[in-house]
Amino acid sequence: MNIDDLTIKQARDIARMFCDSGDNTPTLPQNANTDIPVGKNVLIRGVTLYYVGHCVRVTEQEIVLSDASWVAHTGRFNEALTTGVLSEVEPFPHGNVVVGRGAVMDVSAWPHDLPRTVK
């Protein structure tokens, strides 16, 4: 096979072999060196913001969350992680939220229901 002779469809088929999403976004392999829990709820502490949501995908540059909320204030951080009670929350109305990994300070497990109302 000569790469110069590939059709666009063949090139897309090859790209899909390395991506687990329909949008051809490369994702990290299952054995990648990350502890970010895909398929679980997480609380992300960014440089200036907090997010809570369901982690649906992790790429080299991004963490993609569904049912996400911006957390304006956690209250006591340990208590928020332990109890799931957040002081100020604003849910994103719809769709996925993409958080750039370059702005992430840490990612914590969130074994609680995701907040879906403004508080």
N, C-alpha and C. Protein backbone atom coordinates (compact mmCIF):
# COMPACT_ATOMS: atom_id res chain seq x y z
N MET A 1 0.85 -1.18 0.00
CA MET A 1 0.00 0.00 0.00
C MET A 1 0.89 1.24 0.00
N ASN A 2 0.62 2.13 -0.90
CA ASN A 2 1.35 3.38 -0.98
C ASN A 2 0.50 4.46 -0.31
N ILE A 3 1.06 5.12 0.68
CA ILE A 3 0.29 6.12 1.44
C ILE A 3 -0.19 7.26 0.56
N ASP A 4 0.53 7.55 -0.51
CA ASP A 4 0.12 8.63 -1.41
C ASP A 4 -1.12 8.26 -2.22
N ASP A 5 -1.45 6.96 -2.29
CA ASP A 5 -2.59 6.51 -3.06
C ASP A 5 -3.85 6.30 -2.21
N LEU A 6 -3.78 6.59 -0.90
CA LEU A 6 -4.94 6.38 -0.03
C LEU A 6 -6.07 7.34 -0.38
N THR A 7 -7.29 6.82 -0.31
CA THR A 7 -8.45 7.70 -0.46
C THR A 7 -8.71 8.36 0.89
N ILE A 8 -9.54 9.38 0.89
CA ILE A 8 -9.88 10.05 2.15
C ILE A 8 -10.57 9.07 3.08
N LYS A 9 -11.46 8.22 2.55
CA LYS A 9 -12.14 7.23 3.38
C LYS A 9 -11.14 6.28 4.03
N GLN A 10 -10.16 5.81 3.28
CA GLN A 10 -9.16 4.90 3.84
C GLN A 10 -8.34 5.59 4.93
N ALA A 11 -8.00 6.84 4.72
CA ALA A 11 -7.24 7.59 5.73
C ALA A 11 -8.07 7.76 6.99
N ARG A 12 -9.38 8.05 6.84
CA ARG A 12 -10.26 8.18 8.02
C ARG A 12 -10.40 6.85 8.74
N ASP A 13 -10.50 5.76 8.00
CA ASP A 13 -10.59 4.44 8.62
C ASP A 13 -9.34 4.14 9.44
N ILE A 14 -8.19 4.50 8.92
CA ILE A 14 -6.94 4.30 9.66
C ILE A 14 -6.92 5.17 10.91
N ALA A 15 -7.36 6.42 10.79
CA ALA A 15 -7.39 7.33 11.94
C ALA A 15 -8.31 6.79 13.02
N ARG A 16 -9.45 6.21 12.64
CA ARG A 16 -10.39 5.66 13.62
C ARG A 16 -9.78 4.51 14.41
N MET A 17 -8.83 3.81 13.83
CA MET A 17 -8.18 2.71 14.56
C MET A 17 -7.43 3.22 15.78
N PHE A 18 -7.05 4.49 15.78
CA PHE A 18 -6.29 5.07 16.87
C PHE A 18 -7.12 6.00 17.74
N CYS A 19 -8.41 6.09 17.48
CA CYS A 19 -9.31 6.97 18.22
C CYS A 19 -10.50 6.15 18.67
N ASP A 20 -11.01 6.44 19.88
CA ASP A 20 -12.19 5.72 20.32
C ASP A 20 -13.45 6.57 20.26
N SER A 21 -13.36 7.73 19.61
CA SER A 21 -14.54 8.58 19.46
C SER A 21 -14.82 8.76 17.98
N GLY A 22 -16.02 9.17 17.67
CA GLY A 22 -16.38 9.35 16.28
C GLY A 22 -15.83 10.62 15.67
N ASP A 23 -15.19 11.48 16.47
CA ASP A 23 -14.73 12.76 15.93
C ASP A 23 -13.24 12.77 15.60
N ASN A 24 -12.62 11.59 15.59
CA ASN A 24 -11.20 11.45 15.26
C ASN A 24 -10.28 12.19 16.22
N THR A 25 -10.71 12.39 17.48
CA THR A 25 -9.85 12.99 18.49
C THR A 25 -9.02 11.89 19.13
N PRO A 26 -7.70 11.95 19.02
CA PRO A 26 -6.90 10.89 19.62
C PRO A 26 -7.11 10.84 21.14
N THR A 27 -7.34 9.67 21.66
CA THR A 27 -7.48 9.50 23.09
C THR A 27 -6.30 8.71 23.61
N LEU A 28 -6.10 8.79 24.91
CA LEU A 28 -4.99 8.07 25.50
C LEU A 28 -5.29 6.59 25.52
N PRO A 29 -4.31 5.75 25.27
CA PRO A 29 -4.54 4.31 25.34
C PRO A 29 -4.88 3.88 26.76
N GLN A 30 -5.52 2.72 26.90
CA GLN A 30 -5.95 2.23 28.21
C GLN A 30 -4.80 2.17 29.20
N ASN A 31 -3.60 1.87 28.76
CA ASN A 31 -2.46 1.73 29.67
C ASN A 31 -1.63 3.02 29.77
N ALA A 32 -2.20 4.16 29.35
CA ALA A 32 -1.46 5.43 29.40
C ALA A 32 -1.15 5.79 30.85
N ASN A 33 -0.14 6.58 31.02
CA ASN A 33 0.31 6.97 32.35
C ASN A 33 -0.57 8.10 32.89
N THR A 34 -1.80 7.78 33.26
CA THR A 34 -2.71 8.74 33.86
C THR A 34 -3.62 8.02 34.85
N ASP A 35 -3.97 8.70 35.90
CA ASP A 35 -4.90 8.15 36.88
C ASP A 35 -6.25 8.86 36.80
N ILE A 36 -6.48 9.63 35.75
CA ILE A 36 -7.76 10.31 35.60
C ILE A 36 -8.80 9.25 35.25
N PRO A 37 -9.83 9.10 36.08
CA PRO A 37 -10.76 7.97 35.94
C PRO A 37 -11.86 8.19 34.89
N VAL A 38 -11.63 7.73 33.68
CA VAL A 38 -12.64 7.81 32.63
C VAL A 38 -13.82 6.92 33.04
N GLY A 39 -15.03 7.45 32.88
CA GLY A 39 -16.23 6.72 33.24
C GLY A 39 -16.68 6.96 34.67
N LYS A 40 -16.00 7.85 35.37
CA LYS A 40 -16.34 8.15 36.77
C LYS A 40 -16.59 9.65 36.92
N ASN A 41 -17.26 10.03 38.01
CA ASN A 41 -17.45 11.44 38.34
C ASN A 41 -16.17 11.97 38.98
N VAL A 42 -15.82 13.22 38.62
CA VAL A 42 -14.59 13.83 39.14
C VAL A 42 -14.83 15.28 39.52
N LEU A 43 -13.99 15.78 40.40
CA LEU A 43 -13.90 17.19 40.71
C LEU A 43 -12.53 17.63 40.23
N ILE A 44 -12.51 18.62 39.34
CA ILE A 44 -11.26 19.12 38.79
C ILE A 44 -10.98 20.48 39.40
N ARG A 45 -9.78 20.63 39.94
CA ARG A 45 -9.35 21.93 40.44
C ARG A 45 -8.40 22.50 39.41
N GLY A 46 -8.85 23.56 38.76
CA GLY A 46 -8.02 24.21 37.75
C GLY A 46 -7.23 25.35 38.37
N VAL A 47 -6.49 26.04 37.54
CA VAL A 47 -5.67 27.15 38.01
C VAL A 47 -6.55 28.20 38.69
N THR A 48 -7.71 28.50 38.12
CA THR A 48 -8.58 29.51 38.71
C THR A 48 -10.01 29.03 38.93
N LEU A 49 -10.39 27.87 38.40
CA LEU A 49 -11.78 27.41 38.47
C LEU A 49 -11.86 25.97 38.93
N TYR A 50 -13.05 25.57 39.37
CA TYR A 50 -13.35 24.18 39.71
C TYR A 50 -14.45 23.69 38.77
N TYR A 51 -14.38 22.42 38.42
CA TYR A 51 -15.42 21.77 37.62
C TYR A 51 -15.75 20.44 38.27
N VAL A 52 -17.01 20.03 38.18
CA VAL A 52 -17.40 18.69 38.61
C VAL A 52 -18.23 18.12 37.47
N GLY A 53 -18.01 16.84 37.16
CA GLY A 53 -18.75 16.22 36.08
C GLY A 53 -18.35 14.78 35.88
N HIS A 54 -18.94 14.16 34.89
CA HIS A 54 -18.66 12.77 34.55
C HIS A 54 -17.59 12.75 33.46
N CYS A 55 -16.45 12.14 33.73
CA CYS A 55 -15.33 12.11 32.78
C CYS A 55 -15.64 11.11 31.67
N VAL A 56 -15.80 11.61 30.46
CA VAL A 56 -16.12 10.74 29.34
C VAL A 56 -14.93 10.43 28.45
N ARG A 57 -13.91 11.29 28.49
CA ARG A 57 -12.75 11.05 27.63
C ARG A 57 -11.57 11.87 28.13
N VAL A 58 -10.39 11.32 27.99
CA VAL A 58 -9.15 12.03 28.32
C VAL A 58 -8.24 11.92 27.10
N THR A 59 -7.79 13.08 26.62
CA THR A 59 -6.81 13.10 25.54
C THR A 59 -5.51 13.69 26.10
N GLU A 60 -4.52 13.80 25.26
CA GLU A 60 -3.26 14.38 25.72
C GLU A 60 -3.43 15.81 26.18
N GLN A 61 -4.40 16.53 25.61
CA GLN A 61 -4.56 17.96 25.89
C GLN A 61 -5.82 18.30 26.68
N GLU A 62 -6.80 17.37 26.75
CA GLU A 62 -8.11 17.73 27.30
C GLU A 62 -8.70 16.65 28.18
N ILE A 63 -9.58 17.09 29.07
CA ILE A 63 -10.46 16.20 29.82
C ILE A 63 -11.87 16.61 29.43
N VAL A 64 -12.67 15.66 28.97
CA VAL A 64 -14.02 15.96 28.51
C VAL A 64 -15.01 15.47 29.57
N LEU A 65 -15.89 16.38 30.01
CA LEU A 65 -16.88 16.08 31.04
C LEU A 65 -18.29 16.19 30.47
N SER A 66 -19.18 15.29 30.92
CA SER A 66 -20.61 15.44 30.64
C SER A 66 -21.29 15.77 31.96
N ASP A 67 -22.52 16.28 31.88
CA ASP A 67 -23.28 16.69 33.07
C ASP A 67 -22.42 17.53 34.01
N ALA A 68 -21.68 18.46 33.44
CA ALA A 68 -20.70 19.24 34.18
C ALA A 68 -21.30 20.49 34.82
N SER A 69 -20.64 20.91 35.87
CA SER A 69 -20.98 22.16 36.54
C SER A 69 -19.71 22.93 36.85
N TRP A 70 -19.84 24.25 36.79
CA TRP A 70 -18.78 25.13 37.28
C TRP A 70 -19.03 25.32 38.76
N VAL A 71 -18.01 25.15 39.55
CA VAL A 71 -18.13 25.30 41.00
C VAL A 71 -17.48 26.61 41.39
N ALA A 72 -18.30 27.58 41.77
CA ALA A 72 -17.78 28.90 42.15
C ALA A 72 -17.12 28.85 43.53
N HIS A 73 -17.66 28.00 44.41
CA HIS A 73 -17.10 27.90 45.76
C HIS A 73 -17.40 26.51 46.30
N THR A 74 -16.36 25.82 46.74
CA THR A 74 -16.56 24.47 47.26
C THR A 74 -16.98 24.47 48.73
N GLY A 75 -16.75 25.58 49.42
CA GLY A 75 -16.83 25.53 50.88
C GLY A 75 -15.52 24.89 51.36
N ARG A 76 -15.52 24.28 52.52
CA ARG A 76 -14.32 23.59 53.00
C ARG A 76 -14.04 22.44 52.03
N PHE A 77 -12.85 22.43 51.44
CA PHE A 77 -12.53 21.50 50.37
C PHE A 77 -12.68 20.04 50.81
N ASN A 78 -12.13 19.69 51.96
CA ASN A 78 -12.22 18.32 52.47
C ASN A 78 -13.67 17.92 52.70
N GLU A 79 -14.45 18.83 53.24
CA GLU A 79 -15.86 18.53 53.48
C GLU A 79 -16.62 18.32 52.17
N ALA A 80 -16.30 19.13 51.17
CA ALA A 80 -16.94 18.98 49.86
C ALA A 80 -16.63 17.59 49.28
N LEU A 81 -15.36 17.19 49.33
CA LEU A 81 -14.99 15.88 48.80
C LEU A 81 -15.62 14.75 49.60
N THR A 82 -15.73 14.92 50.90
CA THR A 82 -16.26 13.87 51.77
C THR A 82 -17.77 13.76 51.69
N THR A 83 -18.46 14.91 51.69
CA THR A 83 -19.92 14.89 51.77
C THR A 83 -20.63 15.10 50.43
N GLY A 84 -19.94 15.68 49.48
CA GLY A 84 -20.59 16.00 48.19
C GLY A 84 -21.37 17.29 48.21
N VAL A 85 -21.24 18.06 49.29
CA VAL A 85 -21.96 19.33 49.41
C VAL A 85 -21.03 20.46 48.96
N LEU A 86 -21.51 21.22 47.96
CA LEU A 86 -20.76 22.35 47.42
C LEU A 86 -21.52 23.63 47.73
N SER A 87 -20.78 24.74 48.02
CA SER A 87 -21.42 25.99 48.42
C SER A 87 -22.08 26.73 47.26
N GLU A 88 -21.40 26.82 46.12
CA GLU A 88 -21.93 27.56 44.97
C GLU A 88 -21.66 26.78 43.70
N VAL A 89 -22.72 26.46 42.96
CA VAL A 89 -22.61 25.64 41.76
C VAL A 89 -23.48 26.21 40.65
N GLU A 90 -22.97 26.18 39.42
CA GLU A 90 -23.74 26.58 38.25
C GLU A 90 -23.55 25.51 37.18
N PRO A 91 -24.57 24.66 36.96
CA PRO A 91 -24.45 23.63 35.93
C PRO A 91 -24.39 24.21 34.52
N PHE A 92 -23.60 23.58 33.67
CA PHE A 92 -23.63 23.92 32.25
C PHE A 92 -24.96 23.39 31.71
N PRO A 93 -25.66 24.15 30.86
CA PRO A 93 -27.01 23.76 30.46
C PRO A 93 -27.08 22.49 29.61
N HIS A 94 -26.09 22.23 28.77
CA HIS A 94 -26.17 21.06 27.90
C HIS A 94 -24.81 20.80 27.26
N GLY A 95 -24.64 19.60 26.77
CA GLY A 95 -23.44 19.25 26.03
C GLY A 95 -22.24 18.98 26.92
N ASN A 96 -21.19 18.53 26.26
CA ASN A 96 -19.94 18.25 26.97
C ASN A 96 -19.17 19.53 27.24
N VAL A 97 -18.34 19.48 28.26
CA VAL A 97 -17.45 20.58 28.59
C VAL A 97 -16.02 20.05 28.47
N VAL A 98 -15.19 20.81 27.79
CA VAL A 98 -13.81 20.41 27.58
C VAL A 98 -12.91 21.27 28.47
N VAL A 99 -12.12 20.61 29.30
CA VAL A 99 -11.20 21.31 30.20
C VAL A 99 -9.78 21.03 29.70
N GLY A 100 -9.04 22.09 29.45
CA GLY A 100 -7.65 21.93 29.00
C GLY A 100 -6.77 21.39 30.11
N ARG A 101 -6.03 20.33 29.84
CA ARG A 101 -5.20 19.71 30.88
C ARG A 101 -4.07 20.62 31.34
N GLY A 102 -3.68 21.58 30.53
CA GLY A 102 -2.61 22.49 30.93
C GLY A 102 -3.00 23.39 32.08
N ALA A 103 -4.31 23.55 32.32
CA ALA A 103 -4.80 24.41 33.40
C ALA A 103 -5.26 23.61 34.61
N VAL A 104 -5.04 22.29 34.60
CA VAL A 104 -5.52 21.42 35.69
C VAL A 104 -4.47 21.29 36.78
N MET A 105 -4.89 21.57 38.01
CA MET A 105 -4.00 21.40 39.16
C MET A 105 -4.10 19.98 39.71
N ASP A 106 -5.36 19.50 39.89
CA ASP A 106 -5.55 18.13 40.34
C ASP A 106 -6.95 17.66 39.98
N VAL A 107 -7.12 16.35 39.97
CA VAL A 107 -8.40 15.71 39.68
C VAL A 107 -8.70 14.76 40.83
N SER A 108 -9.86 14.92 41.45
CA SER A 108 -10.25 14.08 42.58
C SER A 108 -11.49 13.27 42.22
N ALA A 109 -11.58 12.08 42.78
CA ALA A 109 -12.79 11.28 42.62
C ALA A 109 -13.96 12.03 43.24
N TRP A 110 -15.13 11.93 42.63
CA TRP A 110 -16.36 12.55 43.13
C TRP A 110 -17.42 11.45 43.23
N PRO A 111 -17.43 10.70 44.33
CA PRO A 111 -18.34 9.57 44.44
C PRO A 111 -19.75 9.97 44.88
N HIS A 112 -20.19 11.12 44.41
CA HIS A 112 -21.48 11.69 44.81
C HIS A 112 -22.30 11.97 43.56
N ASP A 113 -23.58 12.26 43.75
CA ASP A 113 -24.41 12.70 42.64
C ASP A 113 -23.86 14.01 42.11
N LEU A 114 -24.01 14.22 40.81
CA LEU A 114 -23.57 15.47 40.20
C LEU A 114 -24.63 16.54 40.41
N PRO A 115 -24.23 17.74 40.80
CA PRO A 115 -25.21 18.82 41.01
C PRO A 115 -25.77 19.28 39.66
N ARG A 116 -27.07 19.36 39.54
CA ARG A 116 -27.70 19.78 38.29
C ARG A 116 -28.61 20.98 38.48
N THR A 117 -28.56 21.64 39.65
CA THR A 117 -29.34 22.86 39.87
C THR A 117 -28.41 23.95 40.38
N VAL A 118 -28.76 25.19 40.09
CA VAL A 118 -27.98 26.33 40.56
C VAL A 118 -28.11 26.42 42.06
N LYS A 119 -27.00 26.64 42.70
CA LYS A 119 -27.00 26.72 44.15
C LYS A 119 -26.11 27.87 44.59
